[in-house]
């Protein structure tokens, strides 16, 4: 199937459903990717931290590069061994391609001169080594700082789902032409087991997970759920043959909120 796409502020087309590859390596990673590609997946989300670029290169070798959408990410500690440009070139070598569709700073770190990072990202875009750049795990204030420095990230990849409906962040991004991309779209599996969503799903012949993902894609928010299950790979694409009615939409809009599942020592979510 051809997965519906939306346009990024850069005019790039990004599929509304992609595959996250966190903690996916080796044979299981390659096998999962090959299955995903046969189902129609084309957006592969990865990062230097995941150490699976080479496996992704093998799995995607038979697909024309222009059909694929590669997002990769880097951390501040990767810059201890080189510049942002050198980090990008490493990603390109490992993935076996000439450009990345998106290259993101994995999380903000205000102990490092962030302006320098975004200067290099802008240069990488001008050189054609990346089509676009952006941020991940950023609050409104982080993004406002980046804009104040004179740079325009086109995406912010964050945890976003019915249990963590970040309305203020979404509104800021919409006003400033920054596309939200949702990771942990199922709240680390919690939403897939939610009884209320299961009950809604019965009306449409869908699972609780599909109802949660549907809410996101109807908001035109791309999702990148990670799974190695062939069943779930298929189900995660079966979101475009139904629409939530007004009552069910409001139920999802008003679910208990502020359950953050990705909150680690590196996080800077209190920077408001």
C-alpha atoms as a PDB file:
ATOM      1  CA  UNK A   1       0.000   0.000   0.000  1.00  0.00           C
ATOM      2  CA  UNK A   2       1.048   3.593  -0.487  1.00  0.00           C
ATOM      3  CA  UNK A   3       0.976   5.319   2.884  1.00  0.00           C
ATOM      4  CA  UNK A   4      -0.656   8.780   2.886  1.00  0.00           C
ATOM      5  CA  UNK A   5       1.821  11.640   3.159  1.00  0.00           C
ATOM      6  CA  UNK A   6       1.822  15.226   4.336  1.00  0.00           C
ATOM      7  CA  UNK A   7       4.051  18.119   3.306  1.00  0.00           C
ATOM      8  CA  UNK A   8       6.693  19.409   5.680  1.00  0.00           C
ATOM      9  CA  UNK A   9       7.404  23.163   5.833  1.00  0.00           C
ATOM     10  CA  UNK A  10      10.324  22.430   3.471  1.00  0.00           C
ATOM     11  CA  UNK A  11       7.812  20.973   0.951  1.00  0.00           C
ATOM     12  CA  UNK A  12       9.242  17.473   1.490  1.00  0.00           C
ATOM     13  CA  UNK A  13       6.642  14.718   1.626  1.00  0.00           C
ATOM     14  CA  UNK A  14       6.698  12.537   4.745  1.00  0.00           C
ATOM     15  CA  UNK A  15       4.572   9.398   5.249  1.00  0.00           C
ATOM     16  CA  UNK A  16       2.063   9.619   8.089  1.00  0.00           C
ATOM     17  CA  UNK A  17       3.230   6.219   9.362  1.00  0.00           C
ATOM     18  CA  UNK A  18       6.874   5.214   9.637  1.00  0.00           C
ATOM     19  CA  UNK A  19       8.885   2.632  11.538  1.00  0.00           C
ATOM     20  CA  UNK A  20      10.858   3.460  14.656  1.00  0.00           C
ATOM     21  CA  UNK A  21      13.964   1.314  15.164  1.00  0.00           C
ATOM     22  CA  UNK A  22      15.061   2.051  18.747  1.00  0.00           C
ATOM     23  CA  UNK A  23      16.606  -1.089  20.331  1.00  0.00           C
ATOM     24  CA  UNK A  24      16.283  -2.930  17.006  1.00  0.00           C
ATOM     25  CA  UNK A  25      19.535  -4.447  15.776  1.00  0.00           C
ATOM     26  CA  UNK A  26      21.003  -7.358  13.873  1.00  0.00           C
ATOM     27  CA  UNK A  27      18.925 -10.115  12.326  1.00  0.00           C
ATOM     28  CA  UNK A  28      15.626  -9.094  13.948  1.00  0.00           C
ATOM     29  CA  UNK A  29      16.113  -5.534  12.681  1.00  0.00           C
ATOM     30  CA  UNK A  30      16.823  -6.674   9.127  1.00  0.00           C
ATOM     31  CA  UNK A  31      13.937  -9.154   9.127  1.00  0.00           C
ATOM     32  CA  UNK A  32      11.516  -6.547  10.499  1.00  0.00           C
ATOM     33  CA  UNK A  33      12.598  -3.931   7.984  1.00  0.00           C
ATOM     34  CA  UNK A  34      12.218  -6.300   5.049  1.00  0.00           C
ATOM     35  CA  UNK A  35       8.703  -7.175   6.178  1.00  0.00           C
ATOM     36  CA  UNK A  36       7.859  -3.501   6.727  1.00  0.00           C
ATOM     37  CA  UNK A  37       9.100  -2.563   3.273  1.00  0.00           C
ATOM     38  CA  UNK A  38       6.936  -5.230   1.630  1.00  0.00           C
ATOM     39  CA  UNK A  39       3.925  -3.767   3.461  1.00  0.00           C
ATOM     40  CA  UNK A  40       4.675  -0.289   2.122  1.00  0.00           C
ATOM     41  CA  UNK A  41       6.691   1.397   4.875  1.00  0.00           C
ATOM     42  CA  UNK A  42       9.110   3.969   3.513  1.00  0.00           C
ATOM     43  CA  UNK A  43       9.932   6.251   6.473  1.00  0.00           C
ATOM     44  CA  UNK A  44      12.663   4.657   8.582  1.00  0.00           C
ATOM     45  CA  UNK A  45      13.489   6.491  11.810  1.00  0.00           C
ATOM     46  CA  UNK A  46      16.923   5.768  13.242  1.00  0.00           C
ATOM     47  CA  UNK A  47      19.779   7.419  15.148  1.00  0.00           C
ATOM     48  CA  UNK A  48      23.484   7.005  15.711  1.00  0.00           C
ATOM     49  CA  UNK A  49      22.582   5.910  19.242  1.00  0.00           C
ATOM     50  CA  UNK A  50      20.663   2.917  17.856  1.00  0.00           C
ATOM     51  CA  UNK A  51      23.739   1.484  16.088  1.00  0.00           C
ATOM     52  CA  UNK A  52      21.657  -0.019  13.287  1.00  0.00           C
ATOM     53  CA  UNK A  53      22.479   2.147  10.266  1.00  0.00           C
ATOM     54  CA  UNK A  54      24.429  -0.621   8.532  1.00  0.00           C
ATOM     55  CA  UNK A  55      21.589  -3.107   9.027  1.00  0.00           C
ATOM     56  CA  UNK A  56      19.128  -0.577   7.605  1.00  0.00           C
ATOM     57  CA  UNK A  57      21.440  -0.175   4.611  1.00  0.00           C
ATOM     58  CA  UNK A  58      21.313  -3.935   3.962  1.00  0.00           C
ATOM     59  CA  UNK A  59      17.545  -4.199   4.393  1.00  0.00           C
ATOM     60  CA  UNK A  60      16.728  -1.254   2.124  1.00  0.00           C
ATOM     61  CA  UNK A  61      19.297  -2.035  -0.580  1.00  0.00           C
ATOM     62  CA  UNK A  62      16.693  -2.992  -3.172  1.00  0.00           C
ATOM     63  CA  UNK A  63      14.549   0.123  -2.755  1.00  0.00           C
ATOM     64  CA  UNK A  64      15.271   3.230  -4.880  1.00  0.00           C
ATOM     65  CA  UNK A  65      16.620   5.971  -2.609  1.00  0.00           C
ATOM     66  CA  UNK A  66      14.024   8.477  -3.800  1.00  0.00           C
ATOM     67  CA  UNK A  67      11.264   6.196  -2.463  1.00  0.00           C
ATOM     68  CA  UNK A  68      12.753   6.116   1.041  1.00  0.00           C
ATOM     69  CA  UNK A  69      12.571   8.698   3.797  1.00  0.00           C
ATOM     70  CA  UNK A  70      15.477   8.461   6.250  1.00  0.00           C
ATOM     71  CA  UNK A  71      15.442  10.314   9.561  1.00  0.00           C
ATOM     72  CA  UNK A  72      18.555  10.064  11.704  1.00  0.00           C
ATOM     73  CA  UNK A  73      19.563  11.761  14.922  1.00  0.00           C
ATOM     74  CA  UNK A  74      22.734  12.581  16.822  1.00  0.00           C
ATOM     75  CA  UNK A  75      23.613  13.366  20.429  1.00  0.00           C
ATOM     76  CA  UNK A  76      25.966  15.941  21.866  1.00  0.00           C
ATOM     77  CA  UNK A  77      28.393  13.198  22.902  1.00  0.00           C
ATOM     78  CA  UNK A  78      28.785  12.220  19.240  1.00  0.00           C
ATOM     79  CA  UNK A  79      30.367  15.644  18.722  1.00  0.00           C
ATOM     80  CA  UNK A  80      33.244  14.704  21.023  1.00  0.00           C
ATOM     81  CA  UNK A  81      34.620  12.746  18.050  1.00  0.00           C
ATOM     82  CA  UNK A  82      33.961  15.363  15.396  1.00  0.00           C
ATOM     83  CA  UNK A  83      31.764  18.125  14.070  1.00  0.00           C
ATOM     84  CA  UNK A  84      28.083  17.924  13.165  1.00  0.00           C
ATOM     85  CA  UNK A  85      29.193  17.654   9.536  1.00  0.00           C
ATOM     86  CA  UNK A  86      31.483  14.707  10.297  1.00  0.00           C
ATOM     87  CA  UNK A  87      28.688  13.082  12.305  1.00  0.00           C
ATOM     88  CA  UNK A  88      26.331  13.470   9.357  1.00  0.00           C
ATOM     89  CA  UNK A  89      28.920  12.050   6.957  1.00  0.00           C
ATOM     90  CA  UNK A  90      29.307   9.022   9.230  1.00  0.00           C
ATOM     91  CA  UNK A  91      25.544   8.480   9.097  1.00  0.00           C
ATOM     92  CA  UNK A  92      25.586   8.748   5.303  1.00  0.00           C
ATOM     93  CA  UNK A  93      28.425   6.219   5.005  1.00  0.00           C
ATOM     94  CA  UNK A  94      26.715   3.742   7.304  1.00  0.00           C
ATOM     95  CA  UNK A  95      23.352   4.092   5.554  1.00  0.00           C
ATOM     96  CA  UNK A  96      24.985   4.020   2.132  1.00  0.00           C
ATOM     97  CA  UNK A  97      23.256   7.111   0.797  1.00  0.00           C
ATOM     98  CA  UNK A  98      24.071  10.622  -0.395  1.00  0.00           C
ATOM     99  CA  UNK A  99      21.621  12.543   1.748  1.00  0.00           C
ATOM    100  CA  UNK A 100      19.341  12.310   4.780  1.00  0.00           C
ATOM    101  CA  UNK A 101      15.758  13.474   4.561  1.00  0.00           C
ATOM    102  CA  UNK A 102      15.894  14.698   8.157  1.00  0.00           C
ATOM    103  CA  UNK A 103      18.806  15.086  10.578  1.00  0.00           C
ATOM    104  CA  UNK A 104      17.834  15.917  14.142  1.00  0.00           C
ATOM    105  CA  UNK A 105      19.601  16.812  17.361  1.00  0.00           C
ATOM    106  CA  UNK A 106      18.345  13.963  19.552  1.00  0.00           C
ATOM    107  CA  UNK A 107      17.806  16.143  22.600  1.00  0.00           C
ATOM    108  CA  UNK A 108      18.757  19.670  23.652  1.00  0.00           C
ATOM    109  CA  UNK A 109      21.785  20.183  25.870  1.00  0.00           C
ATOM    110  CA  UNK A 110      22.226  23.754  27.017  1.00  0.00           C
ATOM    111  CA  UNK A 111      25.734  23.005  28.307  1.00  0.00           C
ATOM    112  CA  UNK A 112      26.855  23.037  24.663  1.00  0.00           C
ATOM    113  CA  UNK A 113      26.825  26.056  22.290  1.00  0.00           C
ATOM    114  CA  UNK A 114      23.644  25.121  20.474  1.00  0.00           C
ATOM    115  CA  UNK A 115      23.935  27.962  17.964  1.00  0.00           C
ATOM    116  CA  UNK A 116      27.033  26.249  16.547  1.00  0.00           C
ATOM    117  CA  UNK A 117      25.084  23.031  16.002  1.00  0.00           C
ATOM    118  CA  UNK A 118      22.332  24.762  14.078  1.00  0.00           C
ATOM    119  CA  UNK A 119      24.826  26.748  12.013  1.00  0.00           C
ATOM    120  CA  UNK A 120      26.319  23.445  10.864  1.00  0.00           C
ATOM    121  CA  UNK A 121      22.893  21.933  10.227  1.00  0.00           C
ATOM    122  CA  UNK A 122      22.031  24.909   8.042  1.00  0.00           C
ATOM    123  CA  UNK A 123      25.290  24.437   6.122  1.00  0.00           C
ATOM    124  CA  UNK A 124      24.543  20.731   5.661  1.00  0.00           C
ATOM    125  CA  UNK A 125      21.168  21.634   4.202  1.00  0.00           C
ATOM    126  CA  UNK A 126      22.741  24.139   1.816  1.00  0.00           C
ATOM    127  CA  UNK A 127      25.260  21.500   0.706  1.00  0.00           C
ATOM    128  CA  UNK A 128      22.503  18.970  -0.042  1.00  0.00           C
ATOM    129  CA  UNK A 129      23.704  16.392   2.472  1.00  0.00           C
ATOM    130  CA  UNK A 130      20.427  16.788   4.350  1.00  0.00           C
ATOM    131  CA  UNK A 131      17.048  17.841   2.995  1.00  0.00           C
ATOM    132  CA  UNK A 132      15.915  19.272   6.307  1.00  0.00           C
ATOM    133  CA  UNK A 133      16.896  19.559   9.948  1.00  0.00           C
ATOM    134  CA  UNK A 134      15.061  19.774  13.195  1.00  0.00           C
ATOM    135  CA  UNK A 135      14.891  19.067  16.866  1.00  0.00           C
ATOM    136  CA  UNK A 136      13.765  16.325  19.189  1.00  0.00           C
ATOM    137  CA  UNK A 137      12.516  16.410  22.777  1.00  0.00           C
ATOM    138  CA  UNK A 138      12.281  20.203  22.694  1.00  0.00           C
ATOM    139  CA  UNK A 139       9.903  22.388  24.681  1.00  0.00           C
ATOM    140  CA  UNK A 140       8.413  25.644  23.416  1.00  0.00           C
ATOM    141  CA  UNK A 141      11.269  27.560  25.020  1.00  0.00           C
ATOM    142  CA  UNK A 142      13.951  25.430  23.364  1.00  0.00           C
ATOM    143  CA  UNK A 143      12.338  26.070  19.988  1.00  0.00           C
ATOM    144  CA  UNK A 144      11.950  29.778  20.714  1.00  0.00           C
ATOM    145  CA  UNK A 145      15.687  29.950  21.449  1.00  0.00           C
ATOM    146  CA  UNK A 146      16.485  28.301  18.101  1.00  0.00           C
ATOM    147  CA  UNK A 147      14.293  30.806  16.271  1.00  0.00           C
ATOM    148  CA  UNK A 148      15.941  33.658  18.201  1.00  0.00           C
ATOM    149  CA  UNK A 149      19.319  32.466  16.881  1.00  0.00           C
ATOM    150  CA  UNK A 150      17.971  32.819  13.357  1.00  0.00           C
ATOM    151  CA  UNK A 151      17.361  29.173  12.465  1.00  0.00           C
ATOM    152  CA  UNK A 152      14.154  27.418  11.436  1.00  0.00           C
ATOM    153  CA  UNK A 153      13.866  23.739  12.406  1.00  0.00           C
ATOM    154  CA  UNK A 154      11.138  22.096  10.357  1.00  0.00           C
ATOM    155  CA  UNK A 155      10.294  19.276  12.778  1.00  0.00           C
ATOM    156  CA  UNK A 156      10.238  18.552  16.490  1.00  0.00           C
ATOM    157  CA  UNK A 157      10.120  14.838  17.254  1.00  0.00           C
ATOM    158  CA  UNK A 158       8.557  14.411  20.688  1.00  0.00           C
ATOM    159  CA  UNK A 159       6.537  12.023  22.797  1.00  0.00           C
ATOM    160  CA  UNK A 160       2.969  12.871  21.853  1.00  0.00           C
ATOM    161  CA  UNK A 161      -0.160  10.750  22.342  1.00  0.00           C
ATOM    162  CA  UNK A 162      -3.580  10.935  24.068  1.00  0.00           C
ATOM    163  CA  UNK A 163      -1.903  10.476  27.469  1.00  0.00           C
ATOM    164  CA  UNK A 164       0.532  13.323  26.716  1.00  0.00           C
ATOM    165  CA  UNK A 165      -1.428  15.830  24.679  1.00  0.00           C
ATOM    166  CA  UNK A 166       1.017  18.742  24.520  1.00  0.00           C
ATOM    167  CA  UNK A 167      -1.419  21.379  23.303  1.00  0.00           C
ATOM    168  CA  UNK A 168       0.752  24.426  23.942  1.00  0.00           C
ATOM    169  CA  UNK A 169       3.677  22.835  22.112  1.00  0.00           C
ATOM    170  CA  UNK A 170       1.451  21.802  19.202  1.00  0.00           C
ATOM    171  CA  UNK A 171      -0.009  25.308  18.900  1.00  0.00           C
ATOM    172  CA  UNK A 172       3.453  26.904  18.960  1.00  0.00           C
ATOM    173  CA  UNK A 173       4.702  24.510  16.302  1.00  0.00           C
ATOM    174  CA  UNK A 174       1.688  25.116  14.072  1.00  0.00           C
ATOM    175  CA  UNK A 175       2.132  28.886  14.392  1.00  0.00           C
ATOM    176  CA  UNK A 176       5.837  28.650  13.518  1.00  0.00           C
ATOM    177  CA  UNK A 177       5.727  26.014  10.770  1.00  0.00           C
ATOM    178  CA  UNK A 178       7.340  23.239  12.782  1.00  0.00           C
ATOM    179  CA  UNK A 179       5.906  19.778  12.173  1.00  0.00           C
ATOM    180  CA  UNK A 180       5.401  17.589  15.238  1.00  0.00           C
ATOM    181  CA  UNK A 181       6.431  13.957  14.748  1.00  0.00           C
ATOM    182  CA  UNK A 182       5.188  11.584  17.434  1.00  0.00           C
ATOM    183  CA  UNK A 183       7.354   8.932  19.045  1.00  0.00           C
ATOM    184  CA  UNK A 184       6.157   6.645  21.840  1.00  0.00           C
ATOM    185  CA  UNK A 185       2.811   7.095  20.080  1.00  0.00           C
ATOM    186  CA  UNK A 186       1.249   4.319  22.169  1.00  0.00           C
ATOM    187  CA  UNK A 187       2.615   5.475  25.518  1.00  0.00           C
ATOM    188  CA  UNK A 188       5.080   2.581  25.723  1.00  0.00           C
ATOM    189  CA  UNK A 189       2.198   0.188  25.101  1.00  0.00           C
ATOM    190  CA  UNK A 190      -0.142   1.578  27.763  1.00  0.00           C
ATOM    191  CA  UNK A 191      -2.625   2.964  25.245  1.00  0.00           C
ATOM    192  CA  UNK A 192      -2.741  -0.359  23.408  1.00  0.00           C
ATOM    193  CA  UNK A 193      -4.219  -1.860  26.585  1.00  0.00           C
ATOM    194  CA  UNK A 194      -6.578   0.988  27.460  1.00  0.00           C
ATOM    195  CA  UNK A 195     -10.081  -0.388  28.088  1.00  0.00           C
ATOM    196  CA  UNK A 196     -11.807   2.804  26.933  1.00  0.00           C
ATOM    197  CA  UNK A 197      -9.954   2.743  23.607  1.00  0.00           C
ATOM    198  CA  UNK A 198     -10.638  -0.977  23.247  1.00  0.00           C
ATOM    199  CA  UNK A 199     -14.350  -0.247  23.610  1.00  0.00           C
ATOM    200  CA  UNK A 200     -14.205   2.541  21.014  1.00  0.00           C
ATOM    201  CA  UNK A 201     -12.284   0.230  18.713  1.00  0.00           C
ATOM    202  CA  UNK A 202     -15.072  -2.361  18.708  1.00  0.00           C
ATOM    203  CA  UNK A 203     -17.302   0.141  16.894  1.00  0.00           C
ATOM    204  CA  UNK A 204     -14.830   0.349  13.997  1.00  0.00           C
ATOM    205  CA  UNK A 205     -13.394  -3.157  14.092  1.00  0.00           C
ATOM    206  CA  UNK A 206     -10.068  -1.733  15.258  1.00  0.00           C
ATOM    207  CA  UNK A 207      -7.693  -2.243  18.179  1.00  0.00           C
ATOM    208  CA  UNK A 208      -7.042   0.244  20.973  1.00  0.00           C
ATOM    209  CA  UNK A 209      -3.618   0.891  19.441  1.00  0.00           C
ATOM    210  CA  UNK A 210      -5.178   1.726  16.076  1.00  0.00           C
ATOM    211  CA  UNK A 211      -7.615   4.153  17.718  1.00  0.00           C
ATOM    212  CA  UNK A 212      -4.743   5.959  19.446  1.00  0.00           C
ATOM    213  CA  UNK A 213      -2.713   6.138  16.233  1.00  0.00           C
ATOM    214  CA  UNK A 214      -5.776   7.267  14.273  1.00  0.00           C
ATOM    215  CA  UNK A 215      -6.192  10.260  16.579  1.00  0.00           C
ATOM    216  CA  UNK A 216      -2.640  11.317  15.740  1.00  0.00           C
ATOM    217  CA  UNK A 217      -2.752  10.853  11.981  1.00  0.00           C
ATOM    218  CA  UNK A 218      -6.091  12.686  11.790  1.00  0.00           C
ATOM    219  CA  UNK A 219      -4.236  15.588  13.398  1.00  0.00           C
ATOM    220  CA  UNK A 220      -1.711  15.237  10.542  1.00  0.00           C
ATOM    221  CA  UNK A 221       0.976  14.171  13.006  1.00  0.00           C
ATOM    222  CA  UNK A 222       3.293  11.489  11.571  1.00  0.00           C
ATOM    223  CA  UNK A 223       3.855   8.498  13.849  1.00  0.00           C
ATOM    224  CA  UNK A 224       6.821   6.113  14.048  1.00  0.00           C
ATOM    225  CA  UNK A 225       5.687   3.221  16.276  1.00  0.00           C
ATOM    226  CA  UNK A 226       8.392   0.647  16.858  1.00  0.00           C
ATOM    227  CA  UNK A 227       7.402  -2.999  16.558  1.00  0.00           C
ATOM    228  CA  UNK A 228       8.994  -6.249  15.437  1.00  0.00           C
ATOM    229  CA  UNK A 229       5.623  -8.019  15.224  1.00  0.00           C
ATOM    230  CA  UNK A 230       4.438  -8.695  11.643  1.00  0.00           C
ATOM    231  CA  UNK A 231       0.861  -8.459  12.927  1.00  0.00           C
ATOM    232  CA  UNK A 232       1.411  -5.036  14.462  1.00  0.00           C
ATOM    233  CA  UNK A 233       3.374  -3.794  11.452  1.00  0.00           C
ATOM    234  CA  UNK A 234       0.302  -4.479   9.353  1.00  0.00           C
ATOM    235  CA  UNK A 235      -2.205  -3.130  11.885  1.00  0.00           C
ATOM    236  CA  UNK A 236      -0.266   0.113  12.282  1.00  0.00           C
ATOM    237  CA  UNK A 237      -0.957   0.856   8.610  1.00  0.00           C
ATOM    238  CA  UNK A 238      -4.679   0.083   8.770  1.00  0.00           C
ATOM    239  CA  UNK A 239      -5.646   3.576   9.885  1.00  0.00           C
ATOM    240  CA  UNK A 240      -7.005   5.131   6.719  1.00  0.00           C
ATOM    241  CA  UNK A 241     -10.210   3.203   6.065  1.00  0.00           C
ATOM    242  CA  UNK A 242     -12.308   4.780   8.833  1.00  0.00           C
ATOM    243  CA  UNK A 243     -12.905   8.068  10.646  1.00  0.00           C
ATOM    244  CA  UNK A 244     -13.556   8.702  14.315  1.00  0.00           C
ATOM    245  CA  UNK A 245     -16.983  10.179  14.993  1.00  0.00           C
ATOM    246  CA  UNK A 246     -17.327  13.425  16.946  1.00  0.00           C
ATOM    247  CA  UNK A 247     -18.021  11.764  20.304  1.00  0.00           C
ATOM    248  CA  UNK A 248     -15.060   9.413  20.057  1.00  0.00           C
ATOM    249  CA  UNK A 249     -12.839  12.266  18.918  1.00  0.00           C
ATOM    250  CA  UNK A 250     -13.758  14.260  22.016  1.00  0.00           C
ATOM    251  CA  UNK A 251     -13.100  11.247  24.217  1.00  0.00           C
ATOM    252  CA  UNK A 252      -9.550  11.074  22.899  1.00  0.00           C
ATOM    253  CA  UNK A 253      -9.112  14.839  23.167  1.00  0.00           C
ATOM    254  CA  UNK A 254     -10.049  14.711  26.847  1.00  0.00           C
ATOM    255  CA  UNK A 255      -8.248  11.635  28.123  1.00  0.00           C
ATOM    256  CA  UNK A 256      -6.258  11.802  31.387  1.00  0.00           C
ATOM    257  CA  UNK A 257      -3.111  13.685  30.509  1.00  0.00           C
ATOM    258  CA  UNK A 258       0.536  14.267  31.338  1.00  0.00           C
ATOM    259  CA  UNK A 259       1.724  10.658  31.454  1.00  0.00           C
ATOM    260  CA  UNK A 260       5.263  11.003  30.116  1.00  0.00           C
ATOM    261  CA  UNK A 261       7.013   7.694  29.455  1.00  0.00           C
ATOM    262  CA  UNK A 262      10.281   9.103  28.100  1.00  0.00           C
ATOM    263  CA  UNK A 263      11.801  11.103  30.937  1.00  0.00           C
ATOM    264  CA  UNK A 264      15.437  10.331  31.621  1.00  0.00           C
ATOM    265  CA  UNK A 265      18.519  11.982  33.085  1.00  0.00           C
ATOM    266  CA  UNK A 266      19.170  13.844  29.831  1.00  0.00           C
ATOM    267  CA  UNK A 267      15.709  15.402  29.676  1.00  0.00           C
ATOM    268  CA  UNK A 268      15.222  19.157  29.871  1.00  0.00           C
ATOM    269  CA  UNK A 269      11.426  19.268  29.922  1.00  0.00           C
ATOM    270  CA  UNK A 270      11.395  21.759  32.810  1.00  0.00           C
ATOM    271  CA  UNK A 271      12.880  24.403  30.514  1.00  0.00           C
ATOM    272  CA  UNK A 272       9.638  26.313  30.032  1.00  0.00           C
END
